[in-house]
C-alpha atoms as a PDB file:
ATOM      1  CA  MET A   1      28.608  24.529  62.087  1.00  0.00           C
ATOM      2  CA  GLN A   2      31.171  21.911  62.391  1.00  0.00           C
ATOM      3  CA  TYR A   3      32.016  20.478  58.775  1.00  0.00           C
ATOM      4  CA  GLU A   4      32.252  16.759  58.930  1.00  0.00           C
ATOM      5  CA  ASN A   5      33.423  14.424  56.158  1.00  0.00           C
ATOM      6  CA  PRO A   6      32.512  10.933  56.892  1.00  0.00           C
ATOM      7  CA  GLU A   7      34.000   8.000  55.354  1.00  0.00           C
ATOM      8  CA  ILE A   8      31.839   6.647  52.387  1.00  0.00           C
ATOM      9  CA  PRO A   9      31.155   2.773  53.246  1.00  0.00           C
ATOM     10  CA  GLU A  10      32.675   0.319  50.895  1.00  0.00           C
ATOM     11  CA  GLY A  11      30.591  -1.487  48.151  1.00  0.00           C
ATOM     12  CA  ILE A  12      27.555   1.359  48.196  1.00  0.00           C
ATOM     13  CA  ASN A  13      28.240   1.581  44.624  1.00  0.00           C
ATOM     14  CA  THR A  14      28.600  -1.920  43.642  1.00  0.00           C
ATOM     15  CA  SER A  15      26.206  -4.660  42.428  1.00  0.00           C
ATOM     16  CA  ASN A  16      26.020  -8.149  43.527  1.00  0.00           C
ATOM     17  CA  GLU A  17      25.046  -8.799  40.029  1.00  0.00           C
ATOM     18  CA  HIS A  18      27.699  -9.959  37.388  1.00  0.00           C
ATOM     19  CA  PRO A  19      28.396  -6.911  34.944  1.00  0.00           C
ATOM     20  CA  LEU A  20      27.700  -9.174  32.060  1.00  0.00           C
ATOM     21  CA  LYS A  21      24.051 -10.160  33.305  1.00  0.00           C
ATOM     22  CA  GLU A  22      23.646  -6.476  33.432  1.00  0.00           C
ATOM     23  CA  LEU A  23      25.078  -5.876  30.229  1.00  0.00           C
ATOM     24  CA  VAL A  24      22.836  -8.549  28.617  1.00  0.00           C
ATOM     25  CA  TRP A  25      19.833  -6.633  30.325  1.00  0.00           C
ATOM     26  CA  LEU A  26      20.940  -3.414  29.212  1.00  0.00           C
ATOM     27  CA  LEU A  27      21.321  -4.650  25.326  1.00  0.00           C
ATOM     28  CA  GLY A  28      17.964  -6.488  25.678  1.00  0.00           C
ATOM     29  CA  GLY A  29      16.184  -3.369  26.667  1.00  0.00           C
ATOM     30  CA  VAL A  30      18.039  -1.520  23.612  1.00  0.00           C
ATOM     31  CA  VAL A  31      16.745  -4.096  21.486  1.00  0.00           C
ATOM     32  CA  LEU A  32      13.320  -4.316  22.685  1.00  0.00           C
ATOM     33  CA  VAL A  33      12.837  -0.398  22.453  1.00  0.00           C
ATOM     34  CA  SER A  34      14.231  -0.430  19.123  1.00  0.00           C
ATOM     35  CA  VAL A  35      11.516  -3.059  17.771  1.00  0.00           C
ATOM     36  CA  ILE A  36       8.770  -1.147  19.515  1.00  0.00           C
ATOM     37  CA  VAL A  37       9.819   2.304  17.728  1.00  0.00           C
ATOM     38  CA  GLY A  38      10.479   0.205  14.587  1.00  0.00           C
ATOM     39  CA  LEU A  39       6.656  -1.421  14.506  1.00  0.00           C
ATOM     40  CA  PHE A  40       5.348   1.734  14.944  1.00  0.00           C
ATOM     41  CA  LEU A  41       7.226   3.627  12.072  1.00  0.00           C
ATOM     42  CA  VAL A  42       6.253   0.874  10.015  1.00  0.00           C
ATOM     43  CA  PHE A  43       2.780   1.224  11.206  1.00  0.00           C
ATOM     44  CA  ALA A  44       2.628   4.956  10.802  1.00  0.00           C
ATOM     45  CA  THR A  45       4.358   4.608   7.460  1.00  0.00           C
ATOM     46  CA  ASN A  46       1.728   2.596   6.235  1.00  0.00           C
ATOM     47  CA  LEU A  47      -1.024   5.311   7.603  1.00  0.00           C
ATOM     48  CA  SER A  48       0.910   7.826   5.929  1.00  0.00           C
ATOM     49  CA  ILE A  49       1.155   6.378   2.395  1.00  0.00           C
ATOM     50  CA  ALA A  50      -2.563   7.064   1.736  1.00  0.00           C
ATOM     51  CA  LEU A  51      -2.264  10.732   2.643  1.00  0.00           C
ATOM     52  CA  VAL A  52       0.610  11.266  -0.065  1.00  0.00           C
ATOM     53  CA  PRO A  53      -1.096  12.758  -3.475  1.00  0.00           C
ATOM     54  CA  PHE A  54       0.076  10.620  -6.502  1.00  0.00           C
ATOM     55  CA  SER A  55       0.863  13.855  -8.069  1.00  0.00           C
ATOM     56  CA  TYR A  56       3.451  14.488  -5.529  1.00  0.00           C
ATOM     57  CA  GLU A  57       4.838  10.785  -6.169  1.00  0.00           C
ATOM     58  CA  GLN A  58       5.266  11.684  -9.780  1.00  0.00           C
ATOM     59  CA  GLU A  59       6.931  14.965  -9.217  1.00  0.00           C
ATOM     60  CA  ILE A  60       9.441  12.852  -7.282  1.00  0.00           C
ATOM     61  CA  ALA A  61      10.126  10.380 -10.033  1.00  0.00           C
ATOM     62  CA  ALA A  62      10.107  12.729 -12.925  1.00  0.00           C
ATOM     63  CA  PRO A  63      13.918  13.529 -12.869  1.00  0.00           C
ATOM     64  CA  PHE A  64      15.261   9.980 -11.945  1.00  0.00           C
ATOM     65  CA  VAL A  65      13.145   8.222 -14.595  1.00  0.00           C
ATOM     66  CA  ALA A  66      14.291  10.427 -17.450  1.00  0.00           C
ATOM     67  CA  GLU A  67      17.918   8.892 -16.181  1.00  0.00           C
ATOM     68  CA  LEU A  68      17.002   5.439 -17.046  1.00  0.00           C
ATOM     69  CA  GLU A  69      17.479   4.490 -20.652  1.00  0.00           C
ATOM     70  CA  HIS A  70      14.615   3.588 -22.581  1.00  0.00           C
ATOM     71  CA  GLU A  71      13.196   3.607 -26.263  1.00  0.00           C
ATOM     72  CA  GLU A  72      10.361   5.472 -27.737  1.00  0.00           C
ATOM     73  CA  GLY A  73       8.609   4.014 -30.691  1.00  0.00           C
ATOM     74  CA  GLU A  74       6.160   1.424 -32.030  1.00  0.00           C
ATOM     75  CA  ILE A  75       6.621  -1.040 -29.372  1.00  0.00           C
ATOM     76  CA  SER A  76       6.110   1.546 -26.688  1.00  0.00           C
ATOM     77  CA  ALA A  77       2.902   3.175 -28.166  1.00  0.00           C
ATOM     78  CA  TYR A  78       1.711  -0.561 -28.307  1.00  0.00           C
ATOM     79  CA  LEU A  79       2.754  -1.577 -24.553  1.00  0.00           C
ATOM     80  CA  GLN A  80       1.086   2.103 -23.878  1.00  0.00           C
ATOM     81  CA  ALA A  81      -2.055   1.273 -25.375  1.00  0.00           C
ATOM     82  CA  LEU A  82      -2.266  -2.171 -23.701  1.00  0.00           C
ATOM     83  CA  ALA A  83      -1.381  -0.404 -20.320  1.00  0.00           C
ATOM     84  CA  GLU A  84      -4.559   1.746 -20.843  1.00  0.00           C
ATOM     85  CA  ASP A  85      -6.593  -1.044 -21.887  1.00  0.00           C
ATOM     86  CA  MET A  86      -5.766  -3.013 -19.038  1.00  0.00           C
ATOM     87  CA  SER A  87      -6.065  -0.139 -16.478  1.00  0.00           C
ATOM     88  CA  THR A  88      -9.893   0.279 -17.379  1.00  0.00           C
ATOM     89  CA  TRP A  89     -10.493  -3.249 -16.054  1.00  0.00           C
ATOM     90  CA  LEU A  90      -8.260  -2.586 -12.824  1.00  0.00           C
ATOM     91  CA  ASP A  91     -10.603   0.395 -11.815  1.00  0.00           C
ATOM     92  CA  LEU A  92      -7.557   2.715 -11.380  1.00  0.00           C
ATOM     93  CA  PRO A  93      -8.023   5.835  -9.571  1.00  0.00           C
ATOM     94  CA  SER A  94      -9.068   8.771 -11.660  1.00  0.00           C
ATOM     95  CA  ASP A  95      -6.029  10.726 -10.365  1.00  0.00           C
ATOM     96  CA  MET A  96      -3.282   8.067 -11.444  1.00  0.00           C
ATOM     97  CA  SER A  97      -1.879   7.786 -14.740  1.00  0.00           C
ATOM     98  CA  LEU A  98       0.520   5.292 -16.450  1.00  0.00           C
ATOM     99  CA  GLN A  99       3.745   5.575 -18.634  1.00  0.00           C
ATOM    100  CA  MET A 100       5.294   2.459 -20.063  1.00  0.00           C
ATOM    101  CA  HIS A 101       8.794   2.428 -21.049  1.00  0.00           C
ATOM    102  CA  TYR A 102      10.518  -0.079 -23.364  1.00  0.00           C
ATOM    103  CA  ILE A 103      14.051  -1.181 -22.768  1.00  0.00           C
ATOM    104  CA  ASP A 104      15.793  -2.753 -25.616  1.00  0.00           C
ATOM    105  CA  GLU A 105      17.732  -5.291 -23.823  1.00  0.00           C
ATOM    106  CA  GLU A 106      17.716  -9.071 -23.527  1.00  0.00           C
ATOM    107  CA  THR A 107      17.055  -8.962 -19.575  1.00  0.00           C
ATOM    108  CA  VAL A 108      13.664 -10.800 -18.880  1.00  0.00           C
ATOM    109  CA  ASN A 109      11.996  -8.353 -16.635  1.00  0.00           C
ATOM    110  CA  ALA A 110       9.592  -5.784 -15.830  1.00  0.00           C
ATOM    111  CA  PHE A 111       8.992  -3.538 -12.845  1.00  0.00           C
ATOM    112  CA  ALA A 112       6.789  -0.788 -11.661  1.00  0.00           C
ATOM    113  CA  THR A 113       8.175   2.172 -10.102  1.00  0.00           C
ATOM    114  CA  LEU A 114       7.109   5.514  -8.396  1.00  0.00           C
ATOM    115  CA  GLY A 115       4.771   7.713 -10.484  1.00  0.00           C
ATOM    116  CA  GLY A 116       2.717   5.235 -12.455  1.00  0.00           C
ATOM    117  CA  HIS A 117       6.205   4.406 -14.503  1.00  0.00           C
ATOM    118  CA  ILE A 118       6.521   0.622 -15.755  1.00  0.00           C
ATOM    119  CA  PHE A 119       9.421  -0.590 -17.678  1.00  0.00           C
ATOM    120  CA  ILE A 120       9.489  -3.613 -19.763  1.00  0.00           C
ATOM    121  CA  TYR A 121      12.717  -5.155 -21.135  1.00  0.00           C
ATOM    122  CA  ARG A 122      12.636  -6.534 -24.392  1.00  0.00           C
ATOM    123  CA  GLY A 123      13.708 -10.449 -23.172  1.00  0.00           C
ATOM    124  CA  LEU A 124      10.275 -10.401 -21.278  1.00  0.00           C
ATOM    125  CA  VAL A 125       8.269  -9.473 -24.492  1.00  0.00           C
ATOM    126  CA  GLN A 126      10.115 -11.980 -26.635  1.00  0.00           C
ATOM    127  CA  ALA A 127       9.296 -14.506 -24.086  1.00  0.00           C
ATOM    128  CA  MET A 128       5.620 -14.175 -24.144  1.00  0.00           C
ATOM    129  CA  PRO A 129       3.711 -16.576 -26.192  1.00  0.00           C
ATOM    130  CA  SER A 130       0.595 -14.453 -26.519  1.00  0.00           C
ATOM    131  CA  GLU A 131      -0.822 -10.981 -25.792  1.00  0.00           C
ATOM    132  CA  ASN A 132      -2.947 -12.469 -22.905  1.00  0.00           C
ATOM    133  CA  ALA A 133       0.409 -13.462 -20.921  1.00  0.00           C
ATOM    134  CA  LEU A 134       1.761 -10.210 -21.811  1.00  0.00           C
ATOM    135  CA  ALA A 135      -1.298  -8.467 -20.615  1.00  0.00           C
ATOM    136  CA  MET A 136      -0.843 -10.377 -17.146  1.00  0.00           C
ATOM    137  CA  VAL A 137       2.380  -9.137 -16.699  1.00  0.00           C
ATOM    138  CA  VAL A 138       1.296  -5.286 -17.341  1.00  0.00           C
ATOM    139  CA  ALA A 139      -1.376  -5.806 -15.338  1.00  0.00           C
ATOM    140  CA  HIS A 140       0.267  -7.167 -12.405  1.00  0.00           C
ATOM    141  CA  GLU A 141       2.807  -3.990 -12.711  1.00  0.00           C
ATOM    142  CA  ILE A 142      -0.556  -1.661 -12.588  1.00  0.00           C
ATOM    143  CA  ALA A 143      -1.729  -3.358  -9.821  1.00  0.00           C
ATOM    144  CA  HIS A 144       1.380  -2.357  -7.839  1.00  0.00           C
ATOM    145  CA  ILE A 145       0.873   0.979  -8.834  1.00  0.00           C
ATOM    146  CA  LYS A 146      -2.829   1.019  -7.805  1.00  0.00           C
ATOM    147  CA  GLN A 147      -1.844  -0.368  -4.555  1.00  0.00           C
ATOM    148  CA  ARG A 148       0.669   2.011  -3.877  1.00  0.00           C
ATOM    149  CA  ASP A 149       3.402  -0.569  -3.598  1.00  0.00           C
ATOM    150  CA  PRO A 150       6.525   1.159  -5.122  1.00  0.00           C
ATOM    151  CA  ILE A 151       6.046   4.150  -2.642  1.00  0.00           C
ATOM    152  CA  ALA A 152       5.572   1.634   0.545  1.00  0.00           C
ATOM    153  CA  SER A 153       8.613  -0.290  -0.666  1.00  0.00           C
ATOM    154  CA  LEU A 154      10.941   2.669  -0.639  1.00  0.00           C
ATOM    155  CA  GLY A 155      10.310   2.970   2.906  1.00  0.00           C
ATOM    156  CA  ARG A 156       9.292   5.168   5.685  1.00  0.00           C
ATOM    157  CA  GLY A 157      12.177   7.648   4.988  1.00  0.00           C
ATOM    158  CA  VAL A 158      10.536   9.042   1.929  1.00  0.00           C
ATOM    159  CA  VAL A 159       7.519   9.040   3.238  1.00  0.00           C
ATOM    160  CA  PHE A 160       8.292  11.188   6.297  1.00  0.00           C
ATOM    161  CA  MET A 161      10.606  13.454   3.989  1.00  0.00           C
ATOM    162  CA  ILE A 162       7.425  14.120   1.951  1.00  0.00           C
ATOM    163  CA  ALA A 163       5.403  14.966   4.825  1.00  0.00           C
ATOM    164  CA  TRP A 164       8.273  17.331   6.094  1.00  0.00           C
ATOM    165  CA  SER A 165       8.362  18.938   2.377  1.00  0.00           C
ATOM    166  CA  LEU A 166       4.456  19.380   2.372  1.00  0.00           C
ATOM    167  CA  VAL A 167       4.660  21.278   5.533  1.00  0.00           C
ATOM    168  CA  THR A 168       8.150  23.347   4.546  1.00  0.00           C
ATOM    169  CA  GLY A 169       7.247  23.721   0.841  1.00  0.00           C
ATOM    170  CA  ALA A 170      10.414  21.570  -0.375  1.00  0.00           C
ATOM    171  CA  SER A 171      10.230  20.793  -3.895  1.00  0.00           C
ATOM    172  CA  GLY A 172       9.548  17.192  -4.766  1.00  0.00           C
ATOM    173  CA  SER A 173      12.801  16.949  -6.752  1.00  0.00           C
ATOM    174  CA  ASP A 174      15.075  18.154  -3.825  1.00  0.00           C
ATOM    175  CA  ILE A 175      13.113  15.537  -1.600  1.00  0.00           C
ATOM    176  CA  GLY A 176      13.649  12.804  -4.245  1.00  0.00           C
ATOM    177  CA  GLY A 177      17.183  13.700  -4.379  1.00  0.00           C
ATOM    178  CA  GLN A 178      17.976  13.143  -0.720  1.00  0.00           C
ATOM    179  CA  ALA A 179      16.083  10.179  -0.496  1.00  0.00           C
ATOM    180  CA  LEU A 180      16.988   8.240  -3.817  1.00  0.00           C
ATOM    181  CA  GLY A 181      20.356   9.724  -4.785  1.00  0.00           C
ATOM    182  CA  GLN A 182      20.906   8.367  -8.149  1.00  0.00           C
ATOM    183  CA  GLY A 183      17.822   7.263 -10.702  1.00  0.00           C
ATOM    184  CA  GLY A 184      19.198   3.661 -10.460  1.00  0.00           C
ATOM    185  CA  LEU A 185      17.620   3.238  -6.981  1.00  0.00           C
ATOM    186  CA  LEU A 186      14.079   3.348  -8.527  1.00  0.00           C
ATOM    187  CA  THR A 187      14.763   0.043  -9.989  1.00  0.00           C
ATOM    188  CA  LEU A 188      15.779  -1.773  -6.532  1.00  0.00           C
ATOM    189  CA  LEU A 189      12.138  -1.656  -5.194  1.00  0.00           C
ATOM    190  CA  SER A 190      10.835  -4.892  -4.012  1.00  0.00           C
ATOM    191  CA  PHE A 191       7.411  -5.979  -3.123  1.00  0.00           C
ATOM    192  CA  SER A 192       6.639  -8.425  -0.331  1.00  0.00           C
ATOM    193  CA  ARG A 193       4.822 -11.949  -0.870  1.00  0.00           C
ATOM    194  CA  ASP A 194       1.540 -10.279   0.205  1.00  0.00           C
ATOM    195  CA  GLN A 195       2.009  -7.227  -2.268  1.00  0.00           C
ATOM    196  CA  GLU A 196       2.632  -9.748  -5.109  1.00  0.00           C
ATOM    197  CA  ARG A 197      -0.326 -12.013  -4.299  1.00  0.00           C
ATOM    198  CA  ALA A 198      -2.760  -9.074  -4.045  1.00  0.00           C
ATOM    199  CA  ALA A 199      -1.243  -7.838  -7.538  1.00  0.00           C
ATOM    200  CA  ASP A 200      -1.673 -11.440  -9.066  1.00  0.00           C
ATOM    201  CA  GLN A 201      -5.078 -11.267  -8.121  1.00  0.00           C
ATOM    202  CA  GLU A 202      -5.910  -7.987  -9.379  1.00  0.00           C
ATOM    203  CA  ALA A 203      -4.197  -9.004 -12.725  1.00  0.00           C
ATOM    204  CA  ILE A 204      -5.848 -12.166 -13.388  1.00  0.00           C
ATOM    205  CA  LYS A 205      -9.523 -10.806 -12.764  1.00  0.00           C
ATOM    206  CA  ALA A 206      -8.449  -7.974 -15.188  1.00  0.00           C
ATOM    207  CA  VAL A 207      -7.378 -10.538 -18.102  1.00  0.00           C
ATOM    208  CA  GLU A 208     -10.721 -12.495 -17.367  1.00  0.00           C
ATOM    209  CA  GLN A 209     -12.487  -9.557 -17.866  1.00  0.00           C
ATOM    210  CA  ARG A 210     -10.644  -8.412 -20.904  1.00  0.00           C
ATOM    211  CA  TYR A 211     -10.549 -11.524 -22.620  1.00  0.00           C
ATOM    212  CA  GLY A 212     -13.239 -13.697 -21.342  1.00  0.00           C
ATOM    213  CA  HIS A 213     -10.898 -16.461 -20.124  1.00  0.00           C
ATOM    214  CA  ILE A 214      -7.411 -16.715 -18.312  1.00  0.00           C
ATOM    215  CA  ALA A 215      -5.833 -19.112 -20.949  1.00  0.00           C
ATOM    216  CA  GLY A 216      -2.406 -18.015 -21.508  1.00  0.00           C
ATOM    217  CA  ALA A 217      -2.494 -15.559 -18.244  1.00  0.00           C
ATOM    218  CA  SER A 218      -2.883 -18.081 -15.687  1.00  0.00           C
ATOM    219  CA  ALA A 219       0.287 -20.307 -16.573  1.00  0.00           C
ATOM    220  CA  LEU A 220       2.723 -17.256 -16.748  1.00  0.00           C
ATOM    221  CA  PHE A 221       5.210 -18.281 -14.302  1.00  0.00           C
ATOM    222  CA  GLU A 222       5.463 -21.914 -15.633  1.00  0.00           C
ATOM    223  CA  GLN A 223       6.054 -20.142 -18.958  1.00  0.00           C
ATOM    224  CA  LEU A 224       8.892 -18.244 -17.695  1.00  0.00           C
ATOM    225  CA  GLU A 225      10.163 -21.258 -16.112  1.00  0.00           C
ATOM    226  CA  LYS A 226      10.344 -22.986 -19.504  1.00  0.00           C
ATOM    227  CA  ALA A 227      11.894 -19.811 -20.649  1.00  0.00           C
ATOM    228  CA  GLN A 228      14.871 -20.050 -18.069  1.00  0.00           C
ATOM    229  CA  GLN A 229      15.705 -23.677 -18.940  1.00  0.00           C
ATOM    230  CA  GLY A 230      16.291 -22.698 -22.446  1.00  0.00           C
ATOM    231  CA  SER A 231      18.496 -19.576 -21.279  1.00  0.00           C
ATOM    232  CA  ALA A 232      19.867 -19.527 -17.991  1.00  0.00           C
ATOM    233  CA  ASP A 233      20.930 -16.036 -17.847  1.00  0.00           C
ATOM    234  CA  ALA A 234      17.821 -14.604 -18.832  1.00  0.00           C
ATOM    235  CA  VAL A 235      14.791 -15.139 -16.354  1.00  0.00           C
ATOM    236  CA  PRO A 236      16.451 -14.837 -12.970  1.00  0.00           C
ATOM    237  CA  GLN A 237      16.080 -10.779 -13.215  1.00  0.00           C
ATOM    238  CA  PHE A 238      12.375 -11.225 -13.328  1.00  0.00           C
ATOM    239  CA  PHE A 239      12.441 -13.790 -10.724  1.00  0.00           C
ATOM    240  CA  SER A 240      14.476 -11.652  -8.547  1.00  0.00           C
ATOM    241  CA  SER A 241      11.933  -8.573  -8.742  1.00  0.00           C
ATOM    242  CA  HIS A 242       9.120 -11.012  -8.480  1.00  0.00           C
ATOM    243  CA  PRO A 243       9.796 -13.980  -6.431  1.00  0.00           C
ATOM    244  CA  LEU A 244       8.179 -17.161  -7.559  1.00  0.00           C
ATOM    245  CA  ASN A 245       6.147 -18.854  -4.931  1.00  0.00           C
ATOM    246  CA  GLU A 246       4.126 -21.977  -5.580  1.00  0.00           C
ATOM    247  CA  ASP A 247       1.269 -20.739  -3.559  1.00  0.00           C
ATOM    248  CA  ARG A 248       0.931 -17.551  -6.210  1.00  0.00           C
ATOM    249  CA  SER A 249       0.122 -20.046  -8.874  1.00  0.00           C
ATOM    250  CA  VAL A 250      -2.192 -21.887  -6.541  1.00  0.00           C
ATOM    251  CA  ASP A 251      -4.218 -18.702  -5.649  1.00  0.00           C
ATOM    252  CA  ILE A 252      -4.698 -18.173  -9.265  1.00  0.00           C
ATOM    253  CA  GLU A 253      -6.287 -21.493  -9.883  1.00  0.00           C
ATOM    254  CA  GLN A 254      -8.337 -21.445  -6.583  1.00  0.00           C
ATOM    255  CA  LEU A 255      -9.654 -17.637  -7.757  1.00  0.00           C
ATOM    256  CA  ALA A 256     -10.604 -19.049 -10.969  1.00  0.00           C
ATOM    257  CA  ASP A 257     -12.561 -21.857  -9.458  1.00  0.00           C
ATOM    258  CA  ALA A 258     -14.345 -19.455  -7.145  1.00  0.00           C
ATOM    259  CA  HIS A 259     -15.487 -17.236 -10.056  1.00  0.00           C
ATOM    260  CA  ALA A 260     -16.136 -20.101 -12.422  1.00  0.00           C
ATOM    261  CA  TRP A 261     -13.622 -18.405 -14.982  1.00  0.00           C
ATOM    262  CA  GLN A 262     -12.776 -20.183 -18.166  1.00  0.00           C
ATOM    263  CA  THR A 263      -9.491 -21.472 -18.383  1.00  0.00           C
ATOM    264  CA  ALA A 264      -9.158 -22.291 -21.881  1.00  0.00           C
ATOM    265  CA  GLY A 265      -9.922 -20.152 -24.729  1.00  0.00           C
ATOM    266  CA  GLU A 266      -8.350 -18.416 -28.070  1.00  0.00           C
ATOM    267  CA  LEU A 267      -5.145 -16.637 -27.330  1.00  0.00           C
ATOM    268  CA  THR A 268      -4.514 -13.172 -28.988  1.00  0.00           C
ATOM    269  CA  PRO A 269      -1.062 -13.195 -30.439  1.00  0.00           C
ATOM    270  CA  LEU A 270       1.232 -10.566 -30.433  1.00  0.00           C
ATOM    271  CA  PRO A 271       1.185  -8.082 -33.439  1.00  0.00           C
ATOM    272  CA  GLY A 272       3.239  -9.050 -35.868  1.00  0.00           C
ATOM    273  CA  PHE A 273       5.514  -5.905 -35.641  1.00  0.00           C
ATOM    274  CA  VAL A 274       5.974  -6.425 -32.094  1.00  0.00           C
ATOM    275  CA  SER A 275       7.256 -10.147 -32.949  1.00  0.00           C
ATOM    276  CA  ARG A 276       9.504  -9.187 -35.444  1.00  0.00           C
ATOM    277  CA  ARG A 277      11.236  -6.275 -33.690  1.00  0.00           C
ATOM    278  CA  VAL A 278      11.760  -8.224 -30.664  1.00  0.00           C
ATOM    279  CA  ALA A 279      13.046 -11.185 -32.547  1.00  0.00           C
ATOM    280  CA  GLU A 280      15.896  -8.861 -34.126  1.00  0.00           C
END
């Protein structure tokens, strides 16, 4: 057999297309695939959330919630009683429990986080003109917990870690440590407009059932805007975690009209010891 080494024709490994055009097509393909994969993961995460036991969510949250400074006392006990009262009107699942935490700081804010924990700042309680308005805030945060919004907000990483831990037997605290890092990250959860709107609707319905009207609660956002005018540094924290949207107030008004709810009624004042303590 005679060995031959023919000369390779010129241009066999070259393209008539401009290199930049090929690069654009390549990058476009990568972006498209990334978007498709991302959408699939988001969809899979939303389906997976319902499969995560709430008790496991509590186990994850416990060590990190302990790091957040809060006070126990009369106001915490009052907030806990108010939350338990409102939860009966929100049809909270039997496997869910709530724990209220009072933070003695001027920040006007409240937030719900993993495991049924709700934190309320003194500044927000002080800005509430009635228990009706405060009940709206509490019910709103409870609705987030009922809808599993905190764990959904935390993202697919935690969900997938939890799923893996259920298979491998890793403890909730280990998984939480890997996913959350520091307890302060629990306060960074943010919810979408749809999640906020759904929480508003559940909350205002619960307030109406509890008090027989929605007076004091339906104008919550307007009340907070007025408080902001009086103290420029107080309210932005609340608006940061609960984006203000004109549609939310309109939705509440439309919901009231649809159900023929009373928009006027006797307001329930905050207990005297609460008013005195937050004013100190």
